[in-house]
Amino acid sequence: MEYKFKDKYKTISEVVKLLNMNTQKKSNNHTHTLRYWEKEFKQVKPIKINKRRYYDQKNIDILLKIQYLLKNQGMTIKGVKKFLNNNILDIDENEKKNYKFSKY
């Protein structure tokens, strides 16, 4: 049971590595960015167990979309909120190529 949970859910630090956020700046603590995005974007809803956050693939995909829109497309937080509220969250193949997504 625990093995399946670990495969299905990632911790906040694992998600930071998946999104390659730890290599973008010299600061090694980018978990605050994900926590901020949780507050700003209602679509991001990790489960919390014993005060620890666990992200499933749906949440990781949403975070990838947010990162892409903010960093690659130059959108504002407000613009990304509008986009996410009005659009389907599917990630197309062209966007996947632009993500700096590492396999964990």
N, C-alpha and C. Protein backbone atom coordinates (compact mmCIF):
# COMPACT_ATOMS: atom_id res chain seq x y z
N MET A 1 0.83 -1.20 0.00
CA MET A 1 0.00 0.00 0.00
C MET A 1 0.87 1.26 0.00
N GLU A 2 1.89 1.28 0.84
CA GLU A 2 2.74 2.45 0.92
C GLU A 2 3.49 2.67 -0.40
N TYR A 3 3.87 1.60 -1.06
CA TYR A 3 4.58 1.70 -2.34
C TYR A 3 3.71 2.36 -3.40
N LYS A 4 2.44 1.97 -3.48
CA LYS A 4 1.52 2.57 -4.44
C LYS A 4 1.33 4.05 -4.16
N PHE A 5 1.25 4.41 -2.89
CA PHE A 5 1.07 5.81 -2.52
C PHE A 5 2.28 6.62 -2.99
N LYS A 6 3.47 6.09 -2.79
CA LYS A 6 4.68 6.80 -3.17
C LYS A 6 4.76 6.98 -4.68
N ASP A 7 4.30 6.00 -5.45
CA ASP A 7 4.29 6.13 -6.90
C ASP A 7 3.26 7.14 -7.39
N LYS A 8 2.15 7.22 -6.71
CA LYS A 8 1.06 8.07 -7.15
C LYS A 8 1.22 9.52 -6.71
N TYR A 9 1.81 9.75 -5.55
CA TYR A 9 1.93 11.09 -4.99
C TYR A 9 3.39 11.47 -4.79
N LYS A 10 3.67 12.74 -5.00
CA LYS A 10 5.01 13.28 -4.82
C LYS A 10 4.99 14.34 -3.71
N THR A 11 6.07 14.43 -2.96
CA THR A 11 6.20 15.46 -1.95
C THR A 11 6.50 16.79 -2.62
N ILE A 12 6.42 17.85 -1.86
CA ILE A 12 6.67 19.18 -2.42
C ILE A 12 8.10 19.30 -2.93
N SER A 13 9.06 18.72 -2.23
CA SER A 13 10.45 18.79 -2.69
C SER A 13 10.66 17.97 -3.97
N GLU A 14 9.96 16.86 -4.12
CA GLU A 14 10.04 16.08 -5.35
C GLU A 14 9.45 16.84 -6.53
N VAL A 15 8.37 17.58 -6.28
CA VAL A 15 7.74 18.37 -7.34
C VAL A 15 8.66 19.51 -7.76
N VAL A 16 9.35 20.12 -6.81
CA VAL A 16 10.32 21.17 -7.13
C VAL A 16 11.38 20.61 -8.08
N LYS A 17 11.84 19.40 -7.81
CA LYS A 17 12.83 18.76 -8.70
C LYS A 17 12.22 18.44 -10.07
N LEU A 18 11.00 17.96 -10.08
CA LEU A 18 10.34 17.65 -11.34
C LEU A 18 10.18 18.88 -12.24
N LEU A 19 9.90 19.99 -11.62
CA LEU A 19 9.70 21.23 -12.37
C LEU A 19 11.02 21.95 -12.65
N ASN A 20 12.12 21.36 -12.21
CA ASN A 20 13.45 21.98 -12.36
C ASN A 20 13.51 23.37 -11.77
N MET A 21 12.78 23.59 -10.71
CA MET A 21 12.78 24.90 -10.07
C MET A 21 14.04 25.11 -9.25
N ASN A 22 14.65 24.03 -8.80
CA ASN A 22 15.83 24.17 -7.96
C ASN A 22 17.07 24.59 -8.74
N THR A 23 17.02 24.57 -10.07
CA THR A 23 18.17 24.96 -10.87
C THR A 23 18.01 26.35 -11.49
N GLN A 24 16.85 26.96 -11.32
CA GLN A 24 16.61 28.24 -11.98
C GLN A 24 17.36 29.40 -11.29
N LYS A 25 17.53 29.33 -10.01
CA LYS A 25 18.24 30.36 -9.26
C LYS A 25 19.17 29.68 -8.27
N LYS A 26 20.03 30.45 -7.67
CA LYS A 26 20.97 29.86 -6.72
C LYS A 26 20.30 29.46 -5.42
N SER A 27 19.17 30.06 -5.11
CA SER A 27 18.44 29.68 -3.91
C SER A 27 17.99 28.24 -4.02
N ASN A 28 18.12 27.49 -2.94
CA ASN A 28 17.76 26.08 -3.01
C ASN A 28 16.42 25.79 -2.35
N ASN A 29 15.67 26.80 -2.01
CA ASN A 29 14.38 26.58 -1.37
C ASN A 29 13.26 27.19 -2.22
N HIS A 30 12.74 26.41 -3.16
CA HIS A 30 11.67 26.91 -4.01
C HIS A 30 10.31 26.34 -3.61
N THR A 31 10.27 25.68 -2.48
CA THR A 31 8.99 25.16 -2.02
C THR A 31 8.03 26.31 -1.70
N HIS A 32 8.58 27.46 -1.32
CA HIS A 32 7.72 28.60 -1.04
C HIS A 32 6.95 29.04 -2.28
N THR A 33 7.54 28.88 -3.46
CA THR A 33 6.86 29.24 -4.71
C THR A 33 5.64 28.35 -4.92
N LEU A 34 5.80 27.05 -4.68
CA LEU A 34 4.66 26.15 -4.84
C LEU A 34 3.58 26.44 -3.81
N ARG A 35 3.96 26.74 -2.60
CA ARG A 35 2.96 27.09 -1.58
C ARG A 35 2.23 28.38 -1.96
N TYR A 36 2.95 29.34 -2.52
CA TYR A 36 2.32 30.57 -2.98
C TYR A 36 1.34 30.28 -4.12
N TRP A 37 1.75 29.46 -5.08
CA TRP A 37 0.86 29.10 -6.18
C TRP A 37 -0.38 28.38 -5.67
N GLU A 38 -0.25 27.59 -4.63
CA GLU A 38 -1.42 26.94 -4.03
C GLU A 38 -2.43 27.96 -3.54
N LYS A 39 -1.92 29.02 -2.92
CA LYS A 39 -2.81 30.07 -2.42
C LYS A 39 -3.46 30.85 -3.55
N GLU A 40 -2.70 31.10 -4.59
CA GLU A 40 -3.18 31.93 -5.69
C GLU A 40 -4.09 31.19 -6.67
N PHE A 41 -3.84 29.92 -6.90
CA PHE A 41 -4.58 29.17 -7.91
C PHE A 41 -5.40 28.08 -7.25
N LYS A 42 -6.71 28.24 -7.30
CA LYS A 42 -7.60 27.30 -6.64
C LYS A 42 -7.57 25.90 -7.27
N GLN A 43 -7.02 25.79 -8.46
CA GLN A 43 -6.95 24.50 -9.15
C GLN A 43 -5.91 23.56 -8.52
N VAL A 44 -4.93 24.13 -7.83
CA VAL A 44 -3.87 23.32 -7.21
C VAL A 44 -4.34 22.93 -5.81
N LYS A 45 -4.57 21.63 -5.64
CA LYS A 45 -5.09 21.13 -4.36
C LYS A 45 -4.36 19.85 -3.96
N PRO A 46 -3.17 19.99 -3.38
CA PRO A 46 -2.49 18.78 -2.91
C PRO A 46 -3.20 18.22 -1.68
N ILE A 47 -3.03 16.94 -1.46
CA ILE A 47 -3.59 16.39 -0.23
C ILE A 47 -2.57 16.63 0.88
N LYS A 48 -3.06 16.80 2.09
CA LYS A 48 -2.18 17.05 3.22
C LYS A 48 -2.37 15.94 4.24
N ILE A 49 -1.26 15.31 4.57
CA ILE A 49 -1.25 14.26 5.58
C ILE A 49 -0.16 14.61 6.58
N ASN A 50 -0.55 14.73 7.84
CA ASN A 50 0.39 15.12 8.90
C ASN A 50 1.16 16.39 8.54
N LYS A 51 0.44 17.36 8.03
CA LYS A 51 0.97 18.68 7.66
C LYS A 51 2.00 18.63 6.53
N ARG A 52 2.03 17.54 5.78
CA ARG A 52 2.89 17.43 4.60
C ARG A 52 2.03 17.42 3.35
N ARG A 53 2.51 18.08 2.31
CA ARG A 53 1.77 18.16 1.05
C ARG A 53 2.20 17.03 0.12
N TYR A 54 1.19 16.44 -0.54
CA TYR A 54 1.43 15.39 -1.53
C TYR A 54 0.66 15.74 -2.79
N TYR A 55 1.36 15.74 -3.91
CA TYR A 55 0.80 16.13 -5.20
C TYR A 55 0.60 14.91 -6.08
N ASP A 56 -0.57 14.83 -6.71
CA ASP A 56 -0.80 13.76 -7.69
C ASP A 56 -0.46 14.31 -9.08
N GLN A 57 -0.59 13.46 -10.10
CA GLN A 57 -0.18 13.86 -11.45
C GLN A 57 -1.03 15.02 -11.98
N LYS A 58 -2.31 15.06 -11.62
CA LYS A 58 -3.17 16.16 -12.06
C LYS A 58 -2.65 17.50 -11.53
N ASN A 59 -2.28 17.54 -10.26
CA ASN A 59 -1.74 18.77 -9.68
C ASN A 59 -0.40 19.13 -10.30
N ILE A 60 0.43 18.14 -10.56
CA ILE A 60 1.72 18.39 -11.20
C ILE A 60 1.52 18.97 -12.59
N ASP A 61 0.56 18.45 -13.33
CA ASP A 61 0.26 18.99 -14.67
C ASP A 61 -0.20 20.44 -14.59
N ILE A 62 -1.02 20.75 -13.61
CA ILE A 62 -1.48 22.13 -13.43
C ILE A 62 -0.30 23.03 -13.09
N LEU A 63 0.58 22.57 -12.21
CA LEU A 63 1.76 23.36 -11.86
C LEU A 63 2.68 23.56 -13.06
N LEU A 64 2.80 22.55 -13.91
CA LEU A 64 3.57 22.69 -15.15
C LEU A 64 2.97 23.77 -16.04
N LYS A 65 1.65 23.76 -16.14
CA LYS A 65 0.94 24.75 -16.95
C LYS A 65 1.18 26.15 -16.40
N ILE A 66 1.06 26.29 -15.08
CA ILE A 66 1.28 27.59 -14.43
C ILE A 66 2.70 28.06 -14.68
N GLN A 67 3.66 27.18 -14.48
CA GLN A 67 5.06 27.54 -14.69
C GLN A 67 5.30 27.96 -16.15
N TYR A 68 4.75 27.22 -17.08
CA TYR A 68 4.92 27.54 -18.49
C TYR A 68 4.33 28.92 -18.82
N LEU A 69 3.12 29.16 -18.34
CA LEU A 69 2.45 30.44 -18.65
C LEU A 69 3.18 31.61 -18.01
N LEU A 70 3.66 31.45 -16.79
CA LEU A 70 4.36 32.54 -16.11
C LEU A 70 5.75 32.77 -16.67
N LYS A 71 6.52 31.70 -16.80
CA LYS A 71 7.92 31.84 -17.17
C LYS A 71 8.16 31.91 -18.68
N ASN A 72 7.51 31.05 -19.44
CA ASN A 72 7.77 30.99 -20.88
C ASN A 72 6.92 31.98 -21.68
N GLN A 73 5.66 32.14 -21.27
CA GLN A 73 4.76 33.02 -22.01
C GLN A 73 4.73 34.44 -21.45
N GLY A 74 5.31 34.65 -20.27
CA GLY A 74 5.38 35.99 -19.69
C GLY A 74 4.06 36.52 -19.17
N MET A 75 3.14 35.63 -18.87
CA MET A 75 1.84 36.07 -18.35
C MET A 75 1.97 36.50 -16.89
N THR A 76 1.03 37.31 -16.43
CA THR A 76 0.97 37.71 -15.03
C THR A 76 0.16 36.68 -14.25
N ILE A 77 0.23 36.78 -12.93
CA ILE A 77 -0.57 35.89 -12.07
C ILE A 77 -2.05 36.06 -12.41
N LYS A 78 -2.48 37.31 -12.54
CA LYS A 78 -3.88 37.58 -12.86
C LYS A 78 -4.26 36.97 -14.21
N GLY A 79 -3.38 37.09 -15.18
CA GLY A 79 -3.64 36.53 -16.50
C GLY A 79 -3.72 35.01 -16.47
N VAL A 80 -2.85 34.38 -15.71
CA VAL A 80 -2.87 32.92 -15.60
C VAL A 80 -4.15 32.46 -14.89
N LYS A 81 -4.56 33.21 -13.87
CA LYS A 81 -5.82 32.87 -13.18
C LYS A 81 -6.98 32.89 -14.16
N LYS A 82 -7.07 33.94 -14.97
CA LYS A 82 -8.15 34.02 -15.96
C LYS A 82 -8.06 32.87 -16.95
N PHE A 83 -6.86 32.59 -17.41
CA PHE A 83 -6.65 31.51 -18.36
C PHE A 83 -7.10 30.17 -17.79
N LEU A 84 -6.68 29.87 -16.57
CA LEU A 84 -7.03 28.59 -15.95
C LEU A 84 -8.52 28.49 -15.65
N ASN A 85 -9.14 29.61 -15.33
CA ASN A 85 -10.58 29.59 -15.06
C ASN A 85 -11.41 29.41 -16.32
N ASN A 86 -10.85 29.80 -17.46
CA ASN A 86 -11.62 29.76 -18.71
C ASN A 86 -11.22 28.65 -19.67
N ASN A 87 -10.15 27.95 -19.39
CA ASN A 87 -9.64 26.97 -20.35
C ASN A 87 -9.50 25.59 -19.73
N ILE A 88 -9.47 24.61 -20.61
CA ILE A 88 -9.22 23.23 -20.20
C ILE A 88 -7.76 23.12 -19.81
N LEU A 89 -7.47 22.30 -18.82
CA LEU A 89 -6.11 22.21 -18.30
C LEU A 89 -5.25 21.18 -19.03
N ASP A 90 -5.69 20.71 -20.17
CA ASP A 90 -4.90 19.73 -20.91
C ASP A 90 -3.62 20.37 -21.42
N ILE A 91 -2.56 19.61 -21.36
CA ILE A 91 -1.27 20.08 -21.86
C ILE A 91 -1.05 19.44 -23.22
N ASP A 92 -0.88 20.28 -24.25
CA ASP A 92 -0.68 19.70 -25.58
C ASP A 92 0.80 19.38 -25.80
N GLU A 93 1.09 18.69 -26.88
CA GLU A 93 2.44 18.22 -27.16
C GLU A 93 3.43 19.36 -27.36
N ASN A 94 3.00 20.47 -27.97
CA ASN A 94 3.89 21.61 -28.17
C ASN A 94 4.33 22.21 -26.85
N GLU A 95 3.40 22.29 -25.89
CA GLU A 95 3.76 22.83 -24.59
C GLU A 95 4.70 21.90 -23.84
N LYS A 96 4.48 20.59 -23.97
CA LYS A 96 5.35 19.63 -23.29
C LYS A 96 6.80 19.79 -23.74
N LYS A 97 7.00 20.11 -25.00
CA LYS A 97 8.35 20.31 -25.51
C LYS A 97 9.01 21.52 -24.87
N ASN A 98 8.22 22.54 -24.52
CA ASN A 98 8.75 23.76 -23.94
C ASN A 98 9.00 23.65 -22.44
N TYR A 99 8.39 22.67 -21.79
CA TYR A 99 8.59 22.51 -20.35
C TYR A 99 9.97 21.97 -20.09
N LYS A 100 10.56 22.42 -19.03
CA LYS A 100 11.83 21.85 -18.59
C LYS A 100 11.48 20.79 -17.54
N PHE A 101 10.87 19.75 -17.99
CA PHE A 101 10.36 18.71 -17.11
C PHE A 101 11.37 17.57 -17.04
N SER A 102 11.84 17.29 -15.84
CA SER A 102 12.78 16.19 -15.70
C SER A 102 12.06 14.95 -15.21
N LYS A 103 12.53 13.81 -15.64
CA LYS A 103 11.95 12.55 -15.16
C LYS A 103 12.54 12.25 -13.81
N TYR A 104 11.70 11.92 -12.88
CA TYR A 104 12.15 11.68 -11.52
C TYR A 104 12.39 10.22 -11.27
